[in-house]
N, C-alpha and C. Protein backbone atom coordinates (compact mmCIF):
# COMPACT_ATOMS: atom_id res chain seq x y z
N UNK A 1 84.42 130.01 128.30
CA UNK A 1 84.58 129.42 129.60
C UNK A 1 84.35 127.82 129.63
N UNK A 2 83.40 127.54 128.90
CA UNK A 2 83.02 126.45 128.70
C UNK A 2 83.94 125.46 128.12
N UNK A 3 84.70 125.87 127.09
CA UNK A 3 86.06 125.27 125.98
C UNK A 3 87.33 125.21 126.86
N UNK A 4 87.06 126.18 128.04
CA UNK A 4 88.12 125.77 128.85
C UNK A 4 88.09 124.98 129.77
N UNK A 5 86.87 125.11 130.28
CA UNK A 5 86.82 124.03 131.52
C UNK A 5 86.37 122.74 130.61
N UNK A 6 86.01 122.01 129.78
CA UNK A 6 86.11 121.14 128.55
C UNK A 6 87.83 120.59 128.64
N UNK A 7 88.61 121.35 128.31
CA UNK A 7 90.07 121.45 127.98
C UNK A 7 90.42 121.25 129.64
N UNK A 8 90.43 121.98 130.72
CA UNK A 8 90.77 121.14 132.04
C UNK A 8 90.53 120.48 132.45
N UNK A 9 89.02 119.76 132.15
CA UNK A 9 88.95 118.42 133.02
C UNK A 9 89.37 117.34 131.98
N UNK A 10 89.39 117.39 130.34
CA UNK A 10 89.86 116.42 129.69
C UNK A 10 91.83 116.02 130.40
N UNK A 11 92.54 117.42 130.26
CA UNK A 11 94.16 117.55 130.78
C UNK A 11 94.43 116.74 132.49
N UNK A 12 93.02 117.06 132.97
CA UNK A 12 93.52 116.30 135.22
C UNK A 12 92.90 114.85 134.33
N UNK A 13 92.05 114.69 133.84
CA UNK A 13 91.79 113.52 133.82
C UNK A 13 92.76 112.50 132.83
N UNK A 14 93.35 112.98 132.12
CA UNK A 14 94.37 112.29 131.48
C UNK A 14 95.86 112.17 132.07
N UNK A 15 95.72 113.10 133.03
CA UNK A 15 97.11 113.00 133.97
C UNK A 15 97.61 111.55 134.65
N UNK A 16 96.34 110.79 134.76
CA UNK A 16 97.07 110.02 135.46
C UNK A 16 97.17 109.90 137.03
N UNK A 17 98.25 109.35 137.66
CA UNK A 17 98.68 109.94 139.05
C UNK A 17 99.21 111.64 139.21
N UNK A 18 99.79 111.93 138.11
CA UNK A 18 99.91 113.23 138.18
C UNK A 18 98.43 114.00 138.11
N UNK A 19 97.66 113.65 137.99
CA UNK A 19 96.01 114.48 137.79
C UNK A 19 95.60 115.39 138.92
N UNK A 20 96.12 114.48 140.21
CA UNK A 20 95.94 115.75 141.55
C UNK A 20 96.71 117.11 141.30
N UNK A 21 98.16 116.36 140.88
CA UNK A 21 98.84 117.79 141.02
C UNK A 21 98.92 118.47 139.81
N UNK A 22 98.45 118.29 138.96
CA UNK A 22 97.95 119.04 137.78
C UNK A 22 97.07 119.90 138.45
N UNK A 23 95.58 119.52 139.20
CA UNK A 23 94.96 120.35 139.33
C UNK A 23 95.25 121.35 139.99
N UNK A 24 95.90 121.00 141.36
CA UNK A 24 96.48 121.63 142.24
C UNK A 24 97.29 122.62 142.19
N UNK A 25 97.80 122.46 140.39
CA UNK A 25 98.74 123.49 139.78
C UNK A 25 97.81 124.73 138.85
N UNK A 26 96.39 124.06 138.91
CA UNK A 26 95.65 125.01 138.01
C UNK A 26 95.21 126.01 139.12
N UNK A 27 95.04 125.54 140.37
CA UNK A 27 94.34 126.56 141.60
C UNK A 27 95.74 127.48 141.62
N UNK A 28 97.41 126.90 141.36
CA UNK A 28 97.96 128.44 141.57
C UNK A 28 98.02 129.15 140.40
N UNK A 29 97.68 128.88 139.38
CA UNK A 29 97.69 129.07 137.85
C UNK A 29 96.27 130.39 137.91
N UNK A 30 95.15 129.73 139.16
CA UNK A 30 93.49 130.72 138.31
C UNK A 30 93.94 131.65 138.45
N UNK A 31 94.63 132.47 139.66
CA UNK A 31 94.71 134.39 138.97
C UNK A 31 95.17 134.99 138.01
N UNK A 32 95.99 134.27 137.29
CA UNK A 32 96.86 134.03 135.68
C UNK A 32 96.05 133.79 134.70
N UNK A 33 95.01 133.17 134.91
CA UNK A 33 94.08 132.78 133.95
C UNK A 33 92.66 133.31 134.42
N UNK A 34 92.58 133.89 135.08
CA UNK A 34 91.36 134.85 135.46
C UNK A 34 90.30 133.94 135.49
N UNK A 35 90.10 133.11 135.86
CA UNK A 35 89.61 132.24 136.59
C UNK A 35 89.22 132.16 138.33
N UNK A 36 87.50 131.97 138.13
CA UNK A 36 86.88 132.03 139.66
C UNK A 36 87.44 130.53 140.49
N UNK A 37 87.61 130.92 141.52
CA UNK A 37 87.99 129.71 142.46
C UNK A 37 87.06 128.77 142.39
N UNK A 38 85.45 129.41 142.72
CA UNK A 38 84.55 128.30 142.44
C UNK A 38 84.29 127.50 141.38
N UNK A 39 84.57 128.02 140.16
CA UNK A 39 84.40 127.23 138.74
C UNK A 39 85.92 126.05 138.83
N UNK A 40 87.10 125.85 139.63
CA UNK A 40 88.01 125.06 139.70
C UNK A 40 87.75 124.08 140.65
N UNK A 41 86.84 124.83 141.89
CA UNK A 41 86.71 124.05 142.83
C UNK A 41 85.20 122.67 141.93
N UNK A 42 84.75 123.49 141.62
CA UNK A 42 83.30 122.76 140.71
C UNK A 42 83.91 121.69 140.22
N UNK A 43 84.74 121.69 139.27
CA UNK A 43 85.62 120.98 138.54
C UNK A 43 86.02 119.97 139.45
N UNK A 44 86.72 120.09 140.15
CA UNK A 44 87.53 118.87 141.46
C UNK A 44 86.48 118.46 141.43
N UNK A 45 85.17 118.65 141.92
CA UNK A 45 84.04 117.74 142.48
C UNK A 45 83.96 116.87 141.37
N UNK A 46 83.64 117.01 139.89
CA UNK A 46 83.46 116.61 139.06
C UNK A 46 84.36 115.53 138.57
N UNK A 47 85.70 115.82 138.51
CA UNK A 47 86.84 115.35 138.24
C UNK A 47 86.87 113.83 139.62
N UNK A 48 87.20 114.65 140.38
CA UNK A 48 87.52 113.94 141.85
C UNK A 48 86.81 112.90 142.57
N UNK A 49 85.40 113.52 142.37
CA UNK A 49 84.65 113.46 143.32
C UNK A 49 84.68 113.86 144.63
N UNK A 50 83.73 113.98 145.41
CA UNK A 50 83.42 115.22 146.29
C UNK A 50 84.50 115.27 147.32
N UNK A 51 84.68 114.29 148.43
CA UNK A 51 85.61 114.15 149.14
C UNK A 51 87.26 114.52 148.47
N UNK A 52 87.78 113.76 147.76
CA UNK A 52 88.92 114.05 147.27
C UNK A 52 89.31 115.13 146.63
N UNK A 53 88.10 115.84 145.75
CA UNK A 53 87.97 117.06 145.21
C UNK A 53 88.32 118.19 146.02
N UNK A 54 87.69 117.62 147.25
CA UNK A 54 87.39 119.08 148.51
C UNK A 54 88.76 119.03 148.73
N UNK A 55 89.35 118.22 149.46
CA UNK A 55 91.09 118.22 149.79
C UNK A 55 91.68 118.81 149.12
N UNK A 56 91.60 118.48 147.77
CA UNK A 56 92.77 119.16 146.74
C UNK A 56 92.31 120.60 146.65
N UNK A 57 91.45 120.91 146.44
CA UNK A 57 90.99 122.19 146.38
C UNK A 57 91.18 122.99 147.72
N UNK A 58 90.82 122.26 148.88
CA UNK A 58 91.81 123.17 150.27
C UNK A 58 93.61 123.40 149.83
N UNK A 59 94.02 122.16 149.36
CA UNK A 59 95.43 122.20 149.18
C UNK A 59 95.63 123.54 148.33
N UNK A 60 94.87 123.51 146.77
CA UNK A 60 95.16 124.38 145.93
C UNK A 60 95.03 125.91 146.36
N UNK A 61 94.02 125.87 147.28
CA UNK A 61 93.94 127.19 147.66
C UNK A 61 94.58 127.82 148.56
N UNK A 62 95.06 126.95 149.60
CA UNK A 62 95.47 127.69 150.51
C UNK A 62 97.04 128.00 150.04
N UNK A 63 97.96 127.13 148.75
CA UNK A 63 98.98 127.30 148.58
C UNK A 63 98.95 128.54 147.46
N UNK A 64 98.15 128.55 146.84
CA UNK A 64 97.74 129.83 146.16
C UNK A 64 97.69 130.90 146.61
N UNK A 65 96.99 130.73 148.34
CA UNK A 65 96.96 132.22 149.24
C UNK A 65 98.41 132.48 149.69
N UNK A 66 99.24 131.81 150.20
CA UNK A 66 100.32 131.41 150.26
C UNK A 66 101.31 131.98 148.88
N UNK A 67 100.99 131.73 147.76
CA UNK A 67 102.05 132.34 146.80
C UNK A 67 101.73 133.90 146.47
N UNK A 68 99.83 134.09 147.00
CA UNK A 68 99.86 135.59 146.78
C UNK A 68 100.45 136.56 148.12
N UNK A 69 100.82 135.56 149.64
CA UNK A 69 101.73 136.36 150.61
C UNK A 69 103.24 136.60 149.75
N UNK A 70 103.76 135.82 149.47
CA UNK A 70 105.03 135.43 149.25
C UNK A 70 105.15 136.88 147.87
N UNK A 71 104.41 136.83 146.82
CA UNK A 71 104.54 137.69 145.51
C UNK A 71 103.99 139.20 146.40
N UNK A 72 103.23 139.10 147.25
CA UNK A 72 102.68 140.50 147.46
C UNK A 72 104.02 141.38 148.43
N UNK A 73 104.24 140.71 149.07
CA UNK A 73 105.64 140.96 149.53
C UNK A 73 106.76 141.47 148.74
N UNK A 74 106.81 141.04 147.80
CA UNK A 74 107.89 140.95 146.93
C UNK A 74 107.90 141.88 145.75
N UNK A 75 106.71 142.34 145.86
CA UNK A 75 106.07 143.59 145.13
C UNK A 75 105.15 144.60 145.46
N UNK A 76 105.92 145.37 146.78
CA UNK A 76 105.40 146.28 147.11
C UNK A 76 104.41 147.27 146.48
N UNK A 77 104.57 147.99 145.65
CA UNK A 77 103.86 148.73 144.87
C UNK A 77 102.17 148.00 144.30
N UNK A 78 102.05 146.66 143.89
CA UNK A 78 101.08 145.54 144.06
C UNK A 78 100.45 145.83 145.42
N UNK A 79 101.00 146.13 146.41
CA UNK A 79 100.47 145.63 147.86
C UNK A 79 99.96 147.05 148.02
N UNK A 80 100.93 148.11 147.50
CA UNK A 80 100.15 149.69 147.49
C UNK A 80 98.73 149.69 146.75
N UNK A 81 98.22 148.94 145.54
CA UNK A 81 97.64 149.27 144.44
C UNK A 81 96.41 148.55 145.18
N UNK A 82 96.57 147.41 145.82
CA UNK A 82 95.68 146.63 145.98
C UNK A 82 95.00 146.97 147.48
N UNK A 83 96.00 147.37 148.26
CA UNK A 83 95.78 148.35 149.58
C UNK A 83 94.60 149.49 149.01
N UNK A 84 95.06 150.28 148.26
CA UNK A 84 94.20 151.38 147.45
C UNK A 84 92.94 151.04 147.18
N UNK A 85 92.30 149.62 146.42
CA UNK A 85 91.63 149.08 146.06
C UNK A 85 90.87 148.78 147.47
N UNK A 86 91.37 148.31 148.53
CA UNK A 86 90.28 148.18 149.63
C UNK A 86 89.86 149.34 150.37
N UNK A 87 90.71 150.21 150.22
CA UNK A 87 90.44 151.39 151.18
C UNK A 87 89.44 152.31 150.21
N UNK A 88 89.48 151.87 148.83
CA UNK A 88 88.15 152.81 148.24
C UNK A 88 86.96 151.63 148.68
N UNK A 89 87.15 150.72 148.63
CA UNK A 89 85.77 149.35 148.24
C UNK A 89 85.30 149.42 150.21
N UNK A 90 85.91 149.89 150.72
CA UNK A 90 85.89 149.35 152.34
C UNK A 90 85.89 150.20 153.25
N UNK A 91 86.85 151.61 153.03
CA UNK A 91 86.84 152.47 153.63
C UNK A 91 88.32 152.31 154.81
N UNK A 92 88.83 153.37 155.05
CA UNK A 92 90.01 153.92 155.69
C UNK A 92 90.25 152.67 156.49
N UNK A 93 89.44 152.19 157.66
CA UNK A 93 89.37 151.54 159.12
C UNK A 93 88.88 150.80 158.87
N UNK A 94 88.20 150.31 157.86
CA UNK A 94 87.28 148.90 157.92
C UNK A 94 88.36 147.40 157.78
N UNK A 95 88.27 146.76 158.83
CA UNK A 95 88.94 145.77 159.34
C UNK A 95 87.77 144.60 159.37
N UNK A 96 87.70 143.44 158.44
CA UNK A 96 87.02 142.65 158.38
C UNK A 96 87.75 141.46 159.63
N UNK A 97 86.56 140.99 160.29
CA UNK A 97 87.39 139.42 161.18
C UNK A 97 87.49 138.64 160.11
N UNK A 98 87.84 137.40 160.81
CA UNK A 98 88.30 136.05 159.90
C UNK A 98 87.28 135.24 159.47
N UNK A 99 85.82 135.49 160.57
CA UNK A 99 84.71 134.66 160.12
C UNK A 99 84.30 135.07 158.73
N UNK A 100 84.03 136.74 158.98
CA UNK A 100 83.77 137.76 158.06
C UNK A 100 84.44 137.37 156.44
N UNK A 101 85.59 137.15 156.69
CA UNK A 101 86.40 136.71 155.76
C UNK A 101 85.93 135.37 154.93
N UNK A 102 85.55 134.65 156.17
CA UNK A 102 85.13 133.15 155.11
C UNK A 102 83.95 133.40 155.03
N UNK A 103 82.93 134.20 155.44
CA UNK A 103 81.62 133.99 154.68
C UNK A 103 81.53 134.81 153.28
N UNK A 104 82.65 135.70 153.17
CA UNK A 104 82.86 136.61 151.76
C UNK A 104 83.41 135.86 150.73
N UNK A 105 84.43 134.70 151.16
CA UNK A 105 84.94 134.25 150.26
C UNK A 105 83.57 132.87 149.65
N UNK A 106 83.15 132.71 150.60
CA UNK A 106 81.43 131.94 149.83
C UNK A 106 80.71 132.87 148.46
N UNK A 107 81.54 134.50 148.47
CA UNK A 107 80.11 134.86 147.51
C UNK A 107 81.22 134.55 146.16
N UNK A 108 80.79 134.62 145.18
CA UNK A 108 81.39 134.28 143.97
C UNK A 108 82.27 135.76 142.97
N UNK A 109 81.48 136.76 143.15
CA UNK A 109 82.07 137.94 142.84
C UNK A 109 82.64 138.73 143.47
N UNK A 110 83.35 138.31 144.65
CA UNK A 110 84.10 139.06 145.82
C UNK A 110 85.44 138.67 144.69
N UNK A 111 86.25 139.71 144.81
CA UNK A 111 88.02 139.59 144.58
C UNK A 111 88.45 138.66 145.67
N UNK A 112 89.15 137.56 144.95
CA UNK A 112 89.51 136.41 146.67
C UNK A 112 90.80 136.98 147.17
N UNK A 113 91.72 137.77 146.45
CA UNK A 113 93.04 137.97 146.70
C UNK A 113 92.68 139.46 147.51
N UNK A 114 92.11 140.25 147.54
CA UNK A 114 91.49 141.11 148.06
C UNK A 114 91.00 140.56 149.51
N UNK A 115 90.52 139.30 149.86
CA UNK A 115 89.72 138.97 150.69
C UNK A 115 91.64 138.62 151.41
N UNK A 116 91.91 138.10 150.68
CA UNK A 116 93.32 137.44 151.37
C UNK A 116 94.37 138.73 151.87
N UNK A 117 94.11 139.63 151.56
CA UNK A 117 94.81 141.39 151.61
C UNK A 117 94.53 141.61 153.54
N UNK A 118 92.68 141.63 153.62
CA UNK A 118 92.44 141.55 154.36
C UNK A 118 92.46 140.61 155.53
N UNK A 119 93.10 139.48 155.30
CA UNK A 119 93.19 138.55 156.22
C UNK A 119 94.67 138.50 156.50
N UNK A 120 95.58 139.41 155.52
CA UNK A 120 97.25 139.59 156.17
C UNK A 120 97.27 140.84 156.90
N UNK A 121 96.10 142.03 156.99
CA UNK A 121 96.05 142.64 157.57
C UNK A 121 95.84 142.17 159.21
N UNK A 122 95.12 141.44 159.30
CA UNK A 122 94.55 141.05 161.08
C UNK A 122 95.33 139.96 161.34
N UNK A 123 96.09 139.14 160.56
CA UNK A 123 97.15 138.61 161.58
C UNK A 123 98.09 138.78 161.87
N UNK A 124 98.90 138.01 162.30
CA UNK A 124 100.38 138.47 163.13
C UNK A 124 101.51 138.20 162.51
N UNK A 125 101.61 137.42 161.78
CA UNK A 125 102.98 137.21 160.36
C UNK A 125 102.44 135.75 159.80
N UNK A 126 103.31 135.09 158.97
CA UNK A 126 103.22 134.32 158.17
C UNK A 126 102.39 133.09 158.49
N UNK A 127 102.98 132.32 159.79
CA UNK A 127 102.19 131.35 160.23
C UNK A 127 100.74 131.73 160.58
N UNK A 128 100.57 132.44 161.43
CA UNK A 128 99.24 132.73 161.62
C UNK A 128 98.37 133.17 160.51
N UNK A 129 98.73 133.61 159.31
CA UNK A 129 98.11 134.45 158.02
C UNK A 129 98.33 132.50 157.47
N UNK A 130 98.36 131.63 157.25
CA UNK A 130 98.56 130.54 156.90
C UNK A 130 97.58 129.62 157.38
N UNK A 131 97.71 129.50 158.43
CA UNK A 131 96.44 128.57 159.43
C UNK A 131 94.88 129.70 159.37
N UNK A 132 94.75 130.97 158.99
CA UNK A 132 93.61 131.65 159.08
C UNK A 132 93.08 130.89 157.45
N UNK A 133 94.14 131.29 156.75
CA UNK A 133 93.76 131.11 154.99
C UNK A 133 93.46 129.78 154.85
N UNK A 134 94.08 128.79 155.82
CA UNK A 134 93.46 127.27 155.40
C UNK A 134 91.89 126.70 156.06
N UNK A 135 91.75 127.49 156.93
CA UNK A 135 90.72 127.34 157.89
C UNK A 135 89.76 128.28 157.28
N UNK A 136 89.78 129.45 156.19
CA UNK A 136 88.81 130.13 155.63
C UNK A 136 88.41 129.36 154.11
N UNK A 137 89.69 128.63 153.75
CA UNK A 137 89.35 127.84 152.57
C UNK A 137 88.52 126.94 152.81
N UNK A 138 88.27 126.35 154.13
CA UNK A 138 87.63 125.08 153.82
C UNK A 138 86.65 125.28 153.66
N UNK A 139 85.08 125.76 154.06
CA UNK A 139 83.86 126.61 153.44
C UNK A 139 83.70 126.39 152.01
N UNK A 140 84.81 127.32 151.30
CA UNK A 140 84.29 127.37 149.91
C UNK A 140 84.84 126.12 149.51
N UNK A 141 85.66 125.43 149.42
CA UNK A 141 86.21 124.14 148.65
C UNK A 141 84.75 122.93 149.45
N UNK A 142 85.00 122.67 150.57
CA UNK A 142 83.49 121.83 150.97
C UNK A 142 82.00 122.49 150.02
N UNK A 143 81.50 123.28 150.21
CA UNK A 143 80.42 123.57 149.83
C UNK A 143 80.35 123.98 147.85
N UNK A 144 81.44 124.34 147.28
CA UNK A 144 81.26 124.34 146.05
C UNK A 144 81.59 122.89 145.51
N UNK A 145 82.23 122.48 146.11
CA UNK A 145 82.65 120.66 145.76
C UNK A 145 81.81 120.15 145.77
N UNK A 146 80.93 120.08 146.95
CA UNK A 146 80.01 119.04 147.05
C UNK A 146 78.75 119.32 146.67
N UNK A 147 78.70 120.57 146.59
CA UNK A 147 77.12 120.79 146.18
C UNK A 147 77.15 121.55 145.24
N UNK A 148 78.42 121.60 144.49
CA UNK A 148 78.70 122.90 142.63
C UNK A 148 77.18 122.09 142.30
N UNK A 149 77.18 120.62 141.74
CA UNK A 149 76.35 120.64 140.78
C UNK A 149 75.29 121.03 141.57
N UNK A 150 74.58 121.48 142.68
CA UNK A 150 73.65 121.45 142.46
C UNK A 150 73.19 122.78 142.71
N UNK A 151 74.41 123.82 142.87
CA UNK A 151 73.99 125.24 143.04
C UNK A 151 74.21 126.10 141.72
N UNK A 152 74.96 125.13 140.33
CA UNK A 152 74.74 124.80 139.20
C UNK A 152 73.90 124.87 138.66
N UNK A 153 72.82 124.42 138.72
CA UNK A 153 71.01 124.41 138.33
C UNK A 153 70.57 125.03 139.15
N UNK A 154 70.72 125.34 140.36
CA UNK A 154 70.21 126.55 140.86
C UNK A 154 69.48 127.70 139.92
N UNK A 155 68.14 128.42 140.12
CA UNK A 155 67.78 129.32 138.94
C UNK A 155 68.00 130.93 139.76
N UNK A 156 68.44 131.80 139.15
CA UNK A 156 69.15 133.26 139.79
C UNK A 156 68.18 133.69 140.79
N UNK A 157 67.20 133.15 141.24
CA UNK A 157 66.44 133.99 142.64
C UNK A 157 66.70 132.73 143.37
N UNK A 158 67.05 132.21 143.50
CA UNK A 158 67.21 131.36 144.64
C UNK A 158 68.66 131.17 145.20
N UNK A 159 69.41 131.36 143.80
CA UNK A 159 71.27 132.11 143.98
C UNK A 159 71.41 133.35 144.78
N UNK A 160 70.36 134.05 144.14
CA UNK A 160 70.00 135.76 144.78
C UNK A 160 69.76 135.28 146.12
N UNK A 161 68.75 134.75 146.75
CA UNK A 161 68.73 134.65 147.91
C UNK A 161 69.45 134.12 149.36
N UNK A 162 70.31 132.87 148.31
CA UNK A 162 71.58 132.25 149.35
C UNK A 162 72.16 133.93 149.44
N UNK A 163 72.37 134.26 148.63
CA UNK A 163 73.44 135.48 148.98
C UNK A 163 72.94 136.41 150.07
N UNK A 164 72.16 136.71 149.97
CA UNK A 164 71.02 137.90 150.62
C UNK A 164 71.34 137.43 152.33
N UNK A 165 70.94 135.62 152.13
CA UNK A 165 70.82 134.85 153.59
C UNK A 165 72.04 135.26 154.48
N UNK A 166 73.43 135.46 153.07
CA UNK A 166 74.48 135.60 153.79
C UNK A 166 74.83 136.88 154.54
N UNK A 167 74.06 137.89 154.39
CA UNK A 167 74.67 139.27 154.89
C UNK A 167 74.06 138.93 156.40
N UNK A 168 73.32 138.51 157.06
CA UNK A 168 73.48 138.84 158.48
C UNK A 168 74.34 138.08 159.27
N UNK A 169 74.84 137.24 158.50
CA UNK A 169 76.02 136.29 158.80
C UNK A 169 77.49 137.49 158.91
N UNK A 170 77.48 137.98 157.64
CA UNK A 170 78.59 139.04 157.65
C UNK A 170 78.52 140.21 158.85
N UNK A 171 77.40 140.55 158.91
CA UNK A 171 76.91 141.64 159.99
C UNK A 171 77.36 141.27 161.39
N UNK A 172 76.71 139.92 162.07
CA UNK A 172 76.69 139.07 163.08
C UNK A 172 78.91 138.78 163.25
N UNK A 173 79.22 139.07 162.45
CA UNK A 173 80.48 138.38 162.73
C UNK A 173 81.55 139.40 162.23
N UNK A 174 80.84 140.52 162.38
CA UNK A 174 82.22 141.66 162.19
C UNK A 174 82.65 142.22 163.54
N UNK A 175 83.69 143.13 163.03
CA UNK A 175 84.70 143.29 164.18
C UNK A 175 83.73 144.59 165.10
N UNK A 176 83.95 144.11 166.43
CA UNK A 176 82.82 145.49 166.90
C UNK A 176 83.93 146.89 167.46
N UNK A 177 85.20 147.36 166.87
CA UNK A 177 85.93 148.01 167.47
C UNK A 177 86.34 148.93 166.20
N UNK A 178 86.68 150.20 166.48
CA UNK A 178 87.11 150.36 165.29
C UNK A 178 88.31 151.44 165.66
N UNK A 179 89.76 151.74 165.01
CA UNK A 179 90.83 152.51 165.63
C UNK A 179 90.85 153.22 164.62
N UNK A 180 90.80 154.44 165.54
CA UNK A 180 91.50 155.64 164.58
C UNK A 180 92.31 156.62 165.26
N UNK A 181 93.31 156.71 164.08
CA UNK A 181 94.56 157.51 164.61
C UNK A 181 94.20 159.10 165.26
N UNK A 182 94.73 159.48 166.37
CA UNK A 182 94.60 160.92 167.01
C UNK A 182 94.73 161.66 165.93
N UNK A 183 95.90 161.65 165.21
CA UNK A 183 96.03 162.88 164.08
C UNK A 183 95.00 162.95 163.00
N UNK A 184 94.25 161.50 162.80
CA UNK A 184 93.32 161.54 161.66
C UNK A 184 91.97 161.81 162.26
N UNK A 185 91.77 162.12 163.10
CA UNK A 185 89.95 162.13 164.37
C UNK A 185 90.40 163.69 164.03
N UNK A 186 91.54 163.87 164.61
CA UNK A 186 91.47 165.98 165.12
C UNK A 186 92.73 166.20 163.83
N UNK A 187 91.96 166.28 162.54
CA UNK A 187 92.98 166.65 161.51
C UNK A 187 93.18 168.21 161.58
N UNK A 188 94.81 168.25 161.82
CA UNK A 188 95.39 169.48 162.04
C UNK A 188 95.64 170.20 161.04
N UNK A 189 95.94 171.56 160.57
CA UNK A 189 96.08 172.20 159.41
C UNK A 189 97.34 173.17 159.86
N UNK A 190 98.21 172.91 159.10
CA UNK A 190 99.49 174.03 159.45
C UNK A 190 99.52 174.84 158.34
């Protein structure tokens, strides 16, 4: 990972005017290279500075989410696989709110596109999904670009404390309703 990080930063720095486009392109290639969003955001803060790195990361994360939206609609079997994974992890009737998804995106080891699937389920269409994706990508880009160097120097105890402090927010931002289909509640055997 360290070698790839050095290589990534060298390519972006030597890109000149095309450096921001290369960086946004790395955001789009990130899922295929199995790189965490946090790694790319921290790299953007180091290479471009805090403000420009945050803006480029927001653009890259949003475009990555839009690309995911179109790919998942073109390949329904992948959608079914991801939906089964979501059902297995969260339950059949669990729906996360937009606030919960935003908070969960801050946790580095949670699958980013699984959260995008949860966002797809609660939005009403492409325009609403894009807007929600943009708004939910702002905190992750801001925090990991601005405070990326600070977080990378923290001890595991402080990181664990930060993650535990996020748990009450996830609970407070939950949706307060559960919808169960009539036939699922009263399972009729024939």
